[in-house]
Amino acid sequence: MRKSILVPIDFSNNAQIASQYALAFAQKYGYDVHFVHVYQAFKSAFQSHSSNEKDSEQAHNSSQAKLDAFKSNLGLTSSDVTFQCVEGAFLTSIQKYIDEHQISLVIMGTHGETGARKNVLGSNTYDLAKNMECSLLIVPERPNEFHLSHAVLFTDYQKGDENTLRSFMDVVAGEQLKYSIVHMHPEVKDPTVYEELELEEHRYHLQKDLGIDDLQMQLIRSKESTSLVKEVVEEMQADILLLTWNSDKNFFAKLFSKSLAKAIIMNPMVPVFLGSK
């Protein structure tokens, strides 16, 4: 049975970019793709049932027309790709779809049609990242040619790092990519020999347990920041960043501050992969 990717879309430019990335990913690694638009119809206790039903029908027809246009722009005819409109709350509807269709990976953009309000209200992407059990791949807003050869894992020696790497290796069908782990040393002083050995030990166990031929590592002396993450991405020529959930579900509390975690997810330089919890 072929595995499936879910791509939530809202017809924005970033959704178009994420969709193209998902299609390239699916073609390379043999996935079916489900494009889903979640919409909510206006309903009120102060109007009649028939009026609510009419509003629901209008919302569905409008969403379906936009979905048909989106499909046409992608120019797809493959039976491996499906399109569907779903009425309901975004998080609940997406999770239900994942469960019902045994989705292996969700791919979506960072900013949608409400992108200008993201700093005030958050975003569907960030909310999904905090709540979803399935693996999630977040695609930047700017278009990039699909290329995947070097995956970089930011680590604070979490137990979940092995699961993150294993989840990613599973979604890329075990393809032999280049893998690196990076630890940010927050102190101003140079890392001690003990700290270097700690990273080396973590690297050794990951490499041994996962069967990675050559897992590179880098210890960076600097306070964590978005500019530092950008420097690491550019210097290491990373194609994708891997981030680990903490087992206590305190979102990146040990790896990054919540504000930095959100900044990375909302404004990624390259695609960001969050392994299944």
Protein backbone atom coordinates (compact mmCIF):
# COMPACT_ATOMS: atom_id res chain seq x y z
CA MET A 1 0.00 0.00 0.00
CA ARG A 2 1.40 3.40 -1.01
CA LYS A 3 1.89 6.00 1.69
CA SER A 4 0.11 9.34 1.54
CA ILE A 5 0.93 13.02 2.00
CA LEU A 6 -1.68 15.54 3.13
CA VAL A 7 -1.35 19.13 1.89
CA PRO A 8 -3.74 21.59 3.62
CA ILE A 9 -4.32 24.53 1.27
CA ASP A 10 -5.97 27.93 1.49
CA PHE A 11 -5.24 29.04 -2.11
CA SER A 12 -2.49 31.46 -1.04
CA ASN A 13 0.84 31.87 -2.84
CA ASN A 14 2.62 29.92 -0.09
CA ALA A 15 0.09 27.09 -0.46
CA GLN A 16 0.95 26.98 -4.17
CA ILE A 17 4.68 26.78 -3.36
CA ALA A 18 4.13 24.09 -0.71
CA SER A 19 1.98 22.13 -3.16
CA GLN A 20 4.71 22.11 -5.80
CA TYR A 21 7.22 20.96 -3.18
CA ALA A 22 4.85 18.21 -2.03
CA LEU A 23 4.32 17.00 -5.59
CA ALA A 24 8.08 16.83 -6.21
CA PHE A 25 8.56 15.05 -2.88
CA ALA A 26 5.78 12.58 -3.69
CA GLN A 27 7.14 11.83 -7.13
CA LYS A 28 10.64 11.17 -5.79
CA TYR A 29 9.60 9.00 -2.85
CA GLY A 30 6.42 7.34 -4.16
CA TYR A 31 3.53 8.96 -2.26
CA ASP A 32 -0.10 9.64 -3.05
CA VAL A 33 -1.07 13.27 -2.37
CA HIS A 34 -4.27 14.57 -0.77
CA PHE A 35 -4.98 18.28 -1.19
CA VAL A 36 -7.54 19.43 1.38
CA HIS A 37 -9.15 22.82 1.92
CA VAL A 38 -10.86 23.32 5.28
CA TYR A 39 -13.55 26.00 5.41
CA GLN A 40 -16.08 27.18 7.96
CA ALA A 41 -19.56 28.35 7.02
CA PHE A 42 -21.32 31.12 8.91
CA LYS A 43 -23.95 29.73 11.28
CA SER A 44 -26.03 31.59 13.83
CA ALA A 45 -28.58 30.64 16.46
CA PHE A 46 -30.40 33.85 15.55
CA GLN A 47 -31.33 32.73 12.05
CA SER A 48 -33.42 29.85 10.79
CA HIS A 49 -32.17 26.35 10.05
CA SER A 50 -32.85 26.86 6.35
CA SER A 51 -30.80 30.08 6.35
CA ASN A 52 -27.90 28.30 8.03
CA GLU A 53 -28.15 25.50 5.49
CA LYS A 54 -28.12 28.02 2.65
CA ASP A 55 -25.04 29.75 4.05
CA SER A 56 -23.33 26.37 4.40
CA GLU A 57 -24.12 25.47 0.80
CA GLN A 58 -22.83 28.83 -0.45
CA ALA A 59 -19.61 28.40 1.53
CA HIS A 60 -19.13 24.93 0.09
CA ASN A 61 -19.78 26.07 -3.49
CA SER A 62 -17.37 28.98 -3.11
CA SER A 63 -14.65 26.75 -1.64
CA GLN A 64 -15.16 24.10 -4.32
CA ALA A 65 -14.87 26.70 -7.09
CA LYS A 66 -11.58 27.96 -5.61
CA LEU A 67 -10.35 24.38 -5.23
CA ASP A 68 -11.19 23.60 -8.87
CA ALA A 69 -9.23 26.69 -9.98
CA PHE A 70 -6.30 25.70 -7.75
CA LYS A 71 -6.31 22.20 -9.25
CA SER A 72 -6.43 23.64 -12.75
CA ASN A 73 -3.41 25.86 -12.02
CA LEU A 74 -1.43 22.84 -10.87
CA GLY A 75 -2.34 21.08 -14.11
CA LEU A 76 -2.68 17.62 -12.56
CA THR A 77 -4.40 14.59 -14.03
CA SER A 78 -2.75 11.80 -12.01
CA SER A 79 -4.94 9.36 -10.09
CA ASP A 80 -2.36 9.53 -7.28
CA VAL A 81 -3.61 13.03 -6.39
CA THR A 82 -6.98 13.88 -4.83
CA PHE A 83 -8.69 17.17 -3.93
CA GLN A 84 -11.35 17.69 -1.28
CA CYS A 85 -13.17 20.47 0.58
CA VAL A 86 -13.94 19.82 4.26
CA GLU A 87 -16.20 21.92 6.46
CA GLY A 88 -15.19 22.40 10.09
CA ALA A 89 -12.55 23.76 12.47
CA PHE A 90 -9.07 23.54 10.94
CA LEU A 91 -7.18 21.51 13.56
CA THR A 92 -10.03 19.09 14.24
CA SER A 93 -10.73 18.55 10.55
CA ILE A 94 -7.07 17.98 9.65
CA GLN A 95 -6.52 15.52 12.47
CA LYS A 96 -9.66 13.62 11.54
CA TYR A 97 -8.53 13.44 7.91
CA ILE A 98 -5.10 12.18 8.99
CA ASP A 99 -6.67 9.41 11.05
CA GLU A 100 -9.22 8.36 8.43
CA HIS A 101 -6.76 8.26 5.52
CA GLN A 102 -3.69 6.99 7.40
CA ILE A 103 -1.59 9.98 6.38
CA SER A 104 2.17 9.54 6.81
CA LEU A 105 3.27 13.15 6.35
CA VAL A 106 1.71 16.61 6.25
CA ILE A 107 3.34 19.25 4.05
CA MET A 108 2.19 22.86 4.25
CA GLY A 109 3.36 26.45 3.91
CA THR A 110 4.11 28.94 6.66
CA HIS A 111 1.83 31.81 5.70
CA GLY A 112 -1.63 31.72 4.25
CA GLU A 113 -4.24 34.25 3.24
CA THR A 114 -4.22 35.56 6.82
CA GLY A 115 -0.42 35.83 6.83
CA ALA A 116 -0.47 39.55 7.63
CA ARG A 117 -2.17 38.75 10.96
CA LYS A 118 0.14 35.90 11.92
CA ASN A 119 2.01 37.78 14.65
CA VAL A 120 -1.24 38.62 16.43
CA LEU A 121 -3.29 35.49 15.92
CA GLY A 122 -0.64 32.89 15.22
CA SER A 123 -1.09 30.63 12.19
CA ASN A 124 -2.67 27.34 11.28
CA THR A 125 0.82 26.00 10.62
CA TYR A 126 2.14 26.82 14.08
CA ASP A 127 -1.04 25.58 15.77
CA LEU A 128 -0.79 22.36 13.81
CA ALA A 129 2.88 21.98 14.73
CA LYS A 130 2.03 22.23 18.44
CA ASN A 131 -0.84 19.77 18.35
CA MET A 132 -0.30 17.20 15.62
CA GLU A 133 0.97 13.66 16.23
CA CYS A 134 1.91 13.08 12.58
CA SER A 135 5.20 14.17 10.98
CA LEU A 136 5.04 17.70 9.56
CA LEU A 137 7.16 19.33 6.85
CA ILE A 138 6.93 23.13 6.67
CA VAL A 139 7.81 24.84 3.39
CA PRO A 140 9.18 28.42 3.18
CA GLU A 141 7.22 31.19 1.54
CA ARG A 142 9.74 31.76 -1.24
CA PRO A 143 9.90 29.29 -4.13
CA ASN A 144 12.90 26.98 -4.35
CA GLU A 145 13.75 24.18 -6.73
CA PHE A 146 13.22 20.85 -4.98
CA HIS A 147 16.53 19.53 -3.71
CA LEU A 148 17.09 17.17 -0.80
CA SER A 149 20.55 15.84 -0.05
CA HIS A 150 21.65 17.30 3.33
CA ALA A 151 19.51 17.13 6.49
CA VAL A 152 20.65 19.03 9.61
CA LEU A 153 19.30 18.18 13.07
CA PHE A 154 19.50 20.81 15.82
CA THR A 155 20.04 18.95 19.08
CA ASP A 156 20.15 19.50 22.81
CA TYR A 157 20.73 15.77 23.33
CA GLN A 158 17.03 14.96 23.56
CA LYS A 159 15.99 11.34 23.75
CA GLY A 160 13.59 12.07 20.90
CA ASP A 161 16.39 12.84 18.43
CA GLU A 162 16.55 9.20 17.38
CA ASN A 163 12.81 9.20 16.68
CA THR A 164 13.11 12.43 14.69
CA LEU A 165 15.86 11.04 12.50
CA ARG A 166 14.08 7.70 12.16
CA SER A 167 10.81 9.44 11.19
CA PHE A 168 12.61 11.49 8.55
CA MET A 169 14.52 8.51 7.20
CA ASP A 170 11.22 6.68 6.95
CA VAL A 171 9.46 9.43 4.95
CA VAL A 172 12.38 9.61 2.51
CA ALA A 173 12.15 5.85 2.05
CA GLY A 174 15.53 5.17 3.60
CA GLU A 175 17.44 7.10 0.94
CA GLN A 176 21.08 7.63 1.89
CA LEU A 177 21.33 11.39 2.42
CA LYS A 178 23.99 13.43 4.18
CA TYR A 179 23.12 13.95 7.86
CA SER A 180 24.58 16.37 10.40
CA ILE A 181 23.77 17.30 14.01
CA VAL A 182 24.36 20.76 15.46
CA HIS A 183 24.44 21.83 19.09
CA MET A 184 24.40 25.50 20.10
CA HIS A 185 26.60 26.14 23.13
CA PRO A 186 25.03 29.21 24.82
CA GLU A 187 27.96 30.25 27.03
CA VAL A 188 30.37 32.99 25.99
CA LYS A 189 33.36 30.88 26.96
CA ASP A 190 34.63 28.10 24.72
CA PRO A 191 33.02 24.67 25.09
CA THR A 192 34.93 22.35 27.38
CA VAL A 193 36.37 19.00 26.38
CA TYR A 194 33.53 17.37 28.31
CA GLU A 195 30.92 19.22 26.23
CA GLU A 196 32.62 18.19 23.01
CA LEU A 197 32.67 14.59 24.21
CA GLU A 198 28.98 14.80 25.10
CA LEU A 199 28.11 15.75 21.53
CA GLU A 200 30.43 13.07 20.18
CA GLU A 201 28.76 10.44 22.36
CA HIS A 202 25.30 11.55 21.21
CA ARG A 203 26.47 11.43 17.58
CA TYR A 204 27.97 7.96 18.04
CA HIS A 205 24.77 6.45 19.48
CA LEU A 206 22.57 8.02 16.79
CA GLN A 207 24.84 6.83 14.02
CA LYS A 208 25.09 3.32 15.46
CA ASP A 209 21.39 2.87 16.29
CA LEU A 210 20.11 4.29 12.98
CA GLY A 211 22.73 2.80 10.71
CA ILE A 212 23.85 6.14 9.30
CA ASP A 213 27.16 5.71 7.50
CA ASP A 214 28.62 9.11 8.38
CA LEU A 215 26.81 11.45 10.80
CA GLN A 216 28.64 14.78 10.92
CA MET A 217 28.52 17.04 13.99
CA GLN A 218 29.16 20.68 14.82
CA LEU A 219 29.38 22.44 18.20
CA ILE A 220 28.68 26.18 17.96
CA ARG A 221 29.62 28.72 20.60
CA SER A 222 26.92 31.36 20.40
CA LYS A 223 23.63 32.38 21.93
CA GLU A 224 20.73 30.93 19.97
CA SER A 225 19.03 33.30 17.53
CA THR A 226 17.35 33.29 14.14
CA SER A 227 20.43 34.91 12.61
CA LEU A 228 22.59 32.08 13.96
CA VAL A 229 20.21 29.46 12.56
CA LYS A 230 20.40 31.23 9.19
CA GLU A 231 24.22 31.23 9.34
CA VAL A 232 24.26 27.50 10.10
CA VAL A 233 21.87 26.76 7.23
CA GLU A 234 23.96 28.75 4.76
CA GLU A 235 27.34 27.51 5.98
CA MET A 236 26.33 23.85 6.00
CA GLN A 237 24.23 24.18 2.81
CA ALA A 238 21.34 22.46 4.57
CA ASP A 239 18.39 21.44 2.42
CA ILE A 240 16.14 20.75 5.41
CA LEU A 241 16.20 21.34 9.17
CA LEU A 242 15.08 18.61 11.57
CA LEU A 243 13.65 19.57 14.96
CA THR A 244 12.72 17.28 17.85
CA TRP A 245 9.64 17.34 20.03
CA ASN A 246 10.31 16.99 23.74
CA SER A 247 8.72 13.99 25.40
CA ASP A 248 7.10 16.22 28.05
CA LYS A 249 5.40 18.15 25.21
CA ASN A 250 6.92 21.43 26.41
CA PHE A 251 7.36 22.75 22.88
CA PHE A 252 11.12 22.99 22.21
CA ALA A 253 11.63 24.20 25.79
CA LYS A 254 15.05 22.60 26.01
CA LEU A 255 16.15 23.13 22.42
CA PHE A 256 14.88 26.63 21.66
CA SER A 257 12.86 29.29 23.40
CA LYS A 258 9.23 29.27 22.33
CA SER A 259 9.72 32.59 20.51
CA LEU A 260 12.68 31.26 18.53
CA ALA A 261 10.89 27.98 17.77
CA LYS A 262 7.95 29.96 16.44
CA ALA A 263 10.24 32.23 14.41
CA ILE A 264 11.92 29.22 12.79
CA ILE A 265 8.56 27.65 11.94
CA MET A 266 6.94 30.89 10.76
CA ASN A 267 9.92 32.14 8.75
CA PRO A 268 12.07 29.15 7.77
CA MET A 269 15.07 29.60 5.50
CA VAL A 270 14.70 26.02 4.22
CA PRO A 271 11.98 23.41 4.79
CA VAL A 272 11.61 22.36 8.43
CA PHE A 273 10.74 18.78 9.44
CA LEU A 274 9.08 17.97 12.76
CA GLY A 275 9.08 14.24 13.47
CA SER A 276 6.01 12.45 14.76
CA LYS A 277 5.61 12.58 18.54
